[in-house]
Amino acid sequence: MVIAARKQRRREGRLASSIEEVLLSIPMIQSYPAEEKEDERFRKVCKRSARAGRRAARLAAGMQRMGELSMAL
């Protein structure tokens, strides 16, 4: 669980960095044919972050169920 949360935070940090980089370089990206490439790179970072978030949520839900089950016994 802790490892999954760390991975999620790491990916969210990368996502934030990517957003900042893209926003700061919009004028340059639009003046060159790199817009599609940057768009694809940003989409990949977003997908990885979302995947890590879902994984962490599943692990947290599983841990909660296990805790509830052990309390019931």
C-alpha atoms as a PDB file:
ATOM      1  CA  MET A   1       0.000   0.000   0.000  1.00  0.00           C
ATOM      2  CA  VAL A   2       2.763   2.420   0.961  1.00  0.00           C
ATOM      3  CA  ILE A   3       4.697   1.575  -2.199  1.00  0.00           C
ATOM      4  CA  ALA A   4       1.623   2.159  -4.376  1.00  0.00           C
ATOM      5  CA  ALA A   5       0.983   5.514  -2.686  1.00  0.00           C
ATOM      6  CA  ARG A   6       4.593   6.549  -3.268  1.00  0.00           C
ATOM      7  CA  LYS A   7       4.371   5.570  -6.923  1.00  0.00           C
ATOM      8  CA  GLN A   8       1.159   7.553  -7.256  1.00  0.00           C
ATOM      9  CA  ARG A   9       2.708  10.655  -5.660  1.00  0.00           C
ATOM     10  CA  ARG A  10       5.787  10.291  -7.863  1.00  0.00           C
ATOM     11  CA  ARG A  11       3.627  10.065 -10.989  1.00  0.00           C
ATOM     12  CA  GLU A  12       1.520  13.031  -9.870  1.00  0.00           C
ATOM     13  CA  GLY A  13       4.745  15.004  -9.435  1.00  0.00           C
ATOM     14  CA  ARG A  14       5.785  14.081 -12.960  1.00  0.00           C
ATOM     15  CA  LEU A  15       2.358  15.085 -14.208  1.00  0.00           C
ATOM     16  CA  ALA A  16       2.601  18.476 -12.489  1.00  0.00           C
ATOM     17  CA  SER A  17       6.074  19.007 -13.942  1.00  0.00           C
ATOM     18  CA  SER A  18       4.848  18.050 -17.380  1.00  0.00           C
ATOM     19  CA  ILE A  19       1.901  20.440 -17.124  1.00  0.00           C
ATOM     20  CA  GLU A  20       4.180  23.275 -16.070  1.00  0.00           C
ATOM     21  CA  GLU A  21       6.628  22.528 -18.869  1.00  0.00           C
ATOM     22  CA  VAL A  22       3.876  22.412 -21.485  1.00  0.00           C
ATOM     23  CA  LEU A  23       2.207  25.600 -20.286  1.00  0.00           C
ATOM     24  CA  LEU A  24       5.476  27.522 -20.259  1.00  0.00           C
ATOM     25  CA  SER A  25       6.423  26.358 -23.721  1.00  0.00           C
ATOM     26  CA  ILE A  26       3.066  26.756 -25.515  1.00  0.00           C
ATOM     27  CA  PRO A  27       4.206  29.635 -27.742  1.00  0.00           C
ATOM     28  CA  MET A  28       7.314  27.746 -28.838  1.00  0.00           C
ATOM     29  CA  ILE A  29       5.462  24.447 -29.345  1.00  0.00           C
ATOM     30  CA  GLN A  30       2.800  26.134 -31.478  1.00  0.00           C
ATOM     31  CA  SER A  31       5.408  27.836 -33.644  1.00  0.00           C
ATOM     32  CA  TYR A  32       7.032  24.505 -34.509  1.00  0.00           C
ATOM     33  CA  PRO A  33       5.442  21.224 -35.606  1.00  0.00           C
ATOM     34  CA  ALA A  34       6.037  19.719 -32.143  1.00  0.00           C
ATOM     35  CA  GLU A  35       2.500  20.278 -30.872  1.00  0.00           C
ATOM     36  CA  GLU A  36       1.289  16.752 -31.641  1.00  0.00           C
ATOM     37  CA  LYS A  37       4.393  15.183 -30.117  1.00  0.00           C
ATOM     38  CA  GLU A  38       4.001  17.177 -26.896  1.00  0.00           C
ATOM     39  CA  ASP A  39       0.300  16.366 -26.771  1.00  0.00           C
ATOM     40  CA  GLU A  40       1.040  12.643 -27.022  1.00  0.00           C
ATOM     41  CA  ARG A  41       3.748  12.860 -24.359  1.00  0.00           C
ATOM     42  CA  PHE A  42       1.363  14.650 -22.006  1.00  0.00           C
ATOM     43  CA  ARG A  43      -1.364  12.040 -22.612  1.00  0.00           C
ATOM     44  CA  LYS A  44       1.047   9.235 -21.708  1.00  0.00           C
ATOM     45  CA  VAL A  45       2.012  10.929 -18.447  1.00  0.00           C
ATOM     46  CA  CYS A  46      -1.678  11.435 -17.585  1.00  0.00           C
ATOM     47  CA  LYS A  47      -2.505   7.792 -18.309  1.00  0.00           C
ATOM     48  CA  ARG A  48       0.329   6.552 -16.100  1.00  0.00           C
ATOM     49  CA  SER A  49      -0.745   8.826 -13.258  1.00  0.00           C
ATOM     50  CA  ALA A  50      -4.367   7.690 -13.514  1.00  0.00           C
ATOM     51  CA  ARG A  51      -3.292   4.045 -13.588  1.00  0.00           C
ATOM     52  CA  ALA A  52      -1.188   4.508 -10.440  1.00  0.00           C
ATOM     53  CA  GLY A  53      -4.123   6.223  -8.720  1.00  0.00           C
ATOM     54  CA  ARG A  54      -6.489   3.384  -9.553  1.00  0.00           C
ATOM     55  CA  ARG A  55      -3.979   0.816  -8.332  1.00  0.00           C
ATOM     56  CA  ALA A  56      -3.548   2.657  -5.029  1.00  0.00           C
ATOM     57  CA  ALA A  57      -7.327   2.948  -4.608  1.00  0.00           C
ATOM     58  CA  ARG A  58      -7.798  -0.789  -5.203  1.00  0.00           C
ATOM     59  CA  LEU A  59      -5.108  -1.608  -2.669  1.00  0.00           C
ATOM     60  CA  ALA A  60      -6.627   0.751  -0.099  1.00  0.00           C
ATOM     61  CA  ALA A  61     -10.070  -0.789  -0.599  1.00  0.00           C
ATOM     62  CA  GLY A  62      -8.629  -4.279  -0.197  1.00  0.00           C
ATOM     63  CA  MET A  63      -6.819  -3.287   2.977  1.00  0.00           C
ATOM     64  CA  GLN A  64     -10.011  -1.763   4.375  1.00  0.00           C
ATOM     65  CA  ARG A  65     -11.972  -4.944   3.668  1.00  0.00           C
ATOM     66  CA  MET A  66      -9.280  -7.053   5.310  1.00  0.00           C
ATOM     67  CA  GLY A  67      -9.355  -4.801   8.373  1.00  0.00           C
ATOM     68  CA  GLU A  68     -13.124  -4.977   8.617  1.00  0.00           C
ATOM     69  CA  LEU A  69     -13.057  -8.739   8.259  1.00  0.00           C
ATOM     70  CA  SER A  70     -10.430  -9.148  10.971  1.00  0.00           C
ATOM     71  CA  MET A  71     -12.452  -6.870  13.307  1.00  0.00           C
ATOM     72  CA  ALA A  72     -15.587  -8.952  12.686  1.00  0.00           C
ATOM     73  CA  LEU A  73     -13.818 -12.116  13.718  1.00  0.00           C
END
